[in-house]
PDB file of N, CA and C in Angstrom:
ATOM      1  N   GLU A   1     -11.692  74.335 109.843  1.00  0.00           N
ATOM      2  CA  GLU A   1     -11.648  75.304 108.747  1.00  0.00           C
ATOM      3  C   GLU A   1     -13.028  75.363 108.068  1.00  0.00           C
ATOM      4  N   SER A   2     -13.634  74.231 107.899  1.00  0.00           N
ATOM      5  CA  SER A   2     -14.944  74.194 107.221  1.00  0.00           C
ATOM      6  C   SER A   2     -15.967  75.010 108.017  1.00  0.00           C
ATOM      7  N   ARG A   3     -15.905  74.905 109.329  1.00  0.00           N
ATOM      8  CA  ARG A   3     -16.874  75.639 110.167  1.00  0.00           C
ATOM      9  C   ARG A   3     -16.724  77.142 109.942  1.00  0.00           C
ATOM     10  N   CYS A   4     -15.532  77.644 110.069  1.00  0.00           N
ATOM     11  CA  CYS A   4     -15.303  79.088 109.885  1.00  0.00           C
ATOM     12  C   CYS A   4     -15.759  79.503 108.484  1.00  0.00           C
ATOM     13  N   TYR A   5     -15.456  78.683 107.527  1.00  0.00           N
ATOM     14  CA  TYR A   5     -15.831  78.998 106.140  1.00  0.00           C
ATOM     15  C   TYR A   5     -17.350  79.120 106.032  1.00  0.00           C
ATOM     16  N   ARG A   6     -18.051  78.127 106.557  1.00  0.00           N
ATOM     17  CA  ARG A   6     -19.539  78.148 106.473  1.00  0.00           C
ATOM     18  C   ARG A   6     -20.052  79.351 107.281  1.00  0.00           C
ATOM     19  N   PHE A   7     -19.499  79.585 108.429  1.00  0.00           N
ATOM     20  CA  PHE A   7     -19.956  80.698 109.271  1.00  0.00           C
ATOM     21  C   PHE A   7     -19.806  82.023 108.516  1.00  0.00           C
ATOM     22  N   ASP A   8     -18.665  82.190 107.875  1.00  0.00           N
ATOM     23  CA  ASP A   8     -18.428  83.425 107.114  1.00  0.00           C
ATOM     24  C   ASP A   8     -19.472  83.585 106.026  1.00  0.00           C
ATOM     25  N   ILE A   9     -19.782  82.515 105.336  1.00  0.00           N
ATOM     26  CA  ILE A   9     -20.769  82.581 104.245  1.00  0.00           C
ATOM     27  C   ILE A   9     -22.124  83.007 104.800  1.00  0.00           C
ATOM     28  N   THR A  10     -22.483  82.436 105.937  1.00  0.00           N
ATOM     29  CA  THR A  10     -23.788  82.780 106.520  1.00  0.00           C
ATOM     30  C   THR A  10     -23.815  84.259 106.897  1.00  0.00           C
ATOM     31  N   LEU A  11     -22.717  84.754 107.406  1.00  0.00           N
ATOM     32  CA  LEU A  11     -22.662  86.165 107.823  1.00  0.00           C
ATOM     33  C   LEU A  11     -22.623  87.080 106.607  1.00  0.00           C
ATOM     34  N   ARG A  12     -21.836  86.709 105.632  1.00  0.00           N
ATOM     35  CA  ARG A  12     -21.729  87.536 104.408  1.00  0.00           C
ATOM     36  C   ARG A  12     -21.724  86.631 103.181  1.00  0.00           C
ATOM     37  N   GLY A  13     -22.910  86.245 102.735  1.00  0.00           N
ATOM     38  CA  GLY A  13     -23.035  85.370 101.554  1.00  0.00           C
ATOM     39  C   GLY A  13     -22.315  85.968 100.356  1.00  0.00           C
ATOM     40  N   ARG A  14     -22.262  87.286 100.299  1.00  0.00           N
ATOM     41  CA  ARG A  14     -21.607  87.940  99.139  1.00  0.00           C
ATOM     42  C   ARG A  14     -20.128  87.549  99.111  1.00  0.00           C
ATOM     43  N   ARG A  15     -19.492  87.509 100.253  1.00  0.00           N
ATOM     44  CA  ARG A  15     -18.045  87.194 100.268  1.00  0.00           C
ATOM     45  C   ARG A  15     -17.851  85.690 100.045  1.00  0.00           C
ATOM     46  N   ALA A  16     -18.904  84.912 100.132  1.00  0.00           N
ATOM     47  CA  ALA A  16     -18.806  83.449  99.951  1.00  0.00           C
ATOM     48  C   ALA A  16     -18.068  83.159  98.643  1.00  0.00           C
ATOM     49  N   ASN A  17     -18.395  83.891  97.618  1.00  0.00           N
ATOM     50  CA  ASN A  17     -17.747  83.663  96.318  1.00  0.00           C
ATOM     51  C   ASN A  17     -16.246  83.895  96.443  1.00  0.00           C
ATOM     52  N   TYR A  18     -15.873  84.957  97.091  1.00  0.00           N
ATOM     53  CA  TYR A  18     -14.447  85.275  97.257  1.00  0.00           C
ATOM     54  C   TYR A  18     -13.734  84.155  98.024  1.00  0.00           C
ATOM     55  N   PHE A  19     -14.353  83.731  99.119  1.00  0.00           N
ATOM     56  CA  PHE A  19     -13.755  82.661  99.931  1.00  0.00           C
ATOM     57  C   PHE A  19     -13.643  81.387  99.122  1.00  0.00           C
ATOM     58  N   GLU A  20     -14.689  81.073  98.379  1.00  0.00           N
ATOM     59  CA  GLU A  20     -14.680  79.844  97.565  1.00  0.00           C
ATOM     60  C   GLU A  20     -13.521  79.885  96.590  1.00  0.00           C
ATOM     61  N   ASN A  21     -13.317  81.005  95.966  1.00  0.00           N
ATOM     62  CA  ASN A  21     -12.219  81.138  95.003  1.00  0.00           C
ATOM     63  C   ASN A  21     -10.885  80.919  95.708  1.00  0.00           C
ATOM     64  N   ASP A  22     -10.761  81.461  96.896  1.00  0.00           N
ATOM     65  CA  ASP A  22      -9.508  81.317  97.643  1.00  0.00           C
ATOM     66  C   ASP A  22      -9.279  79.853  98.028  1.00  0.00           C
ATOM     67  N   LEU A  23     -10.350  79.197  98.448  1.00  0.00           N
ATOM     68  CA  LEU A  23     -10.229  77.790  98.868  1.00  0.00           C
ATOM     69  C   LEU A  23      -9.943  76.900  97.666  1.00  0.00           C
ATOM     70  N   THR A  24     -10.614  77.193  96.581  1.00  0.00           N
ATOM     71  CA  THR A  24     -10.408  76.355  95.375  1.00  0.00           C
ATOM     72  C   THR A  24      -9.034  76.651  94.885  1.00  0.00           C
TER      73      THR A  24
END
């Protein structure tokens, strides 16, 4: 899960915030 999460952030740093909120 961590890999996909990091990969997504690298591809779209903007969505990183959204993903972080979902994970938290």
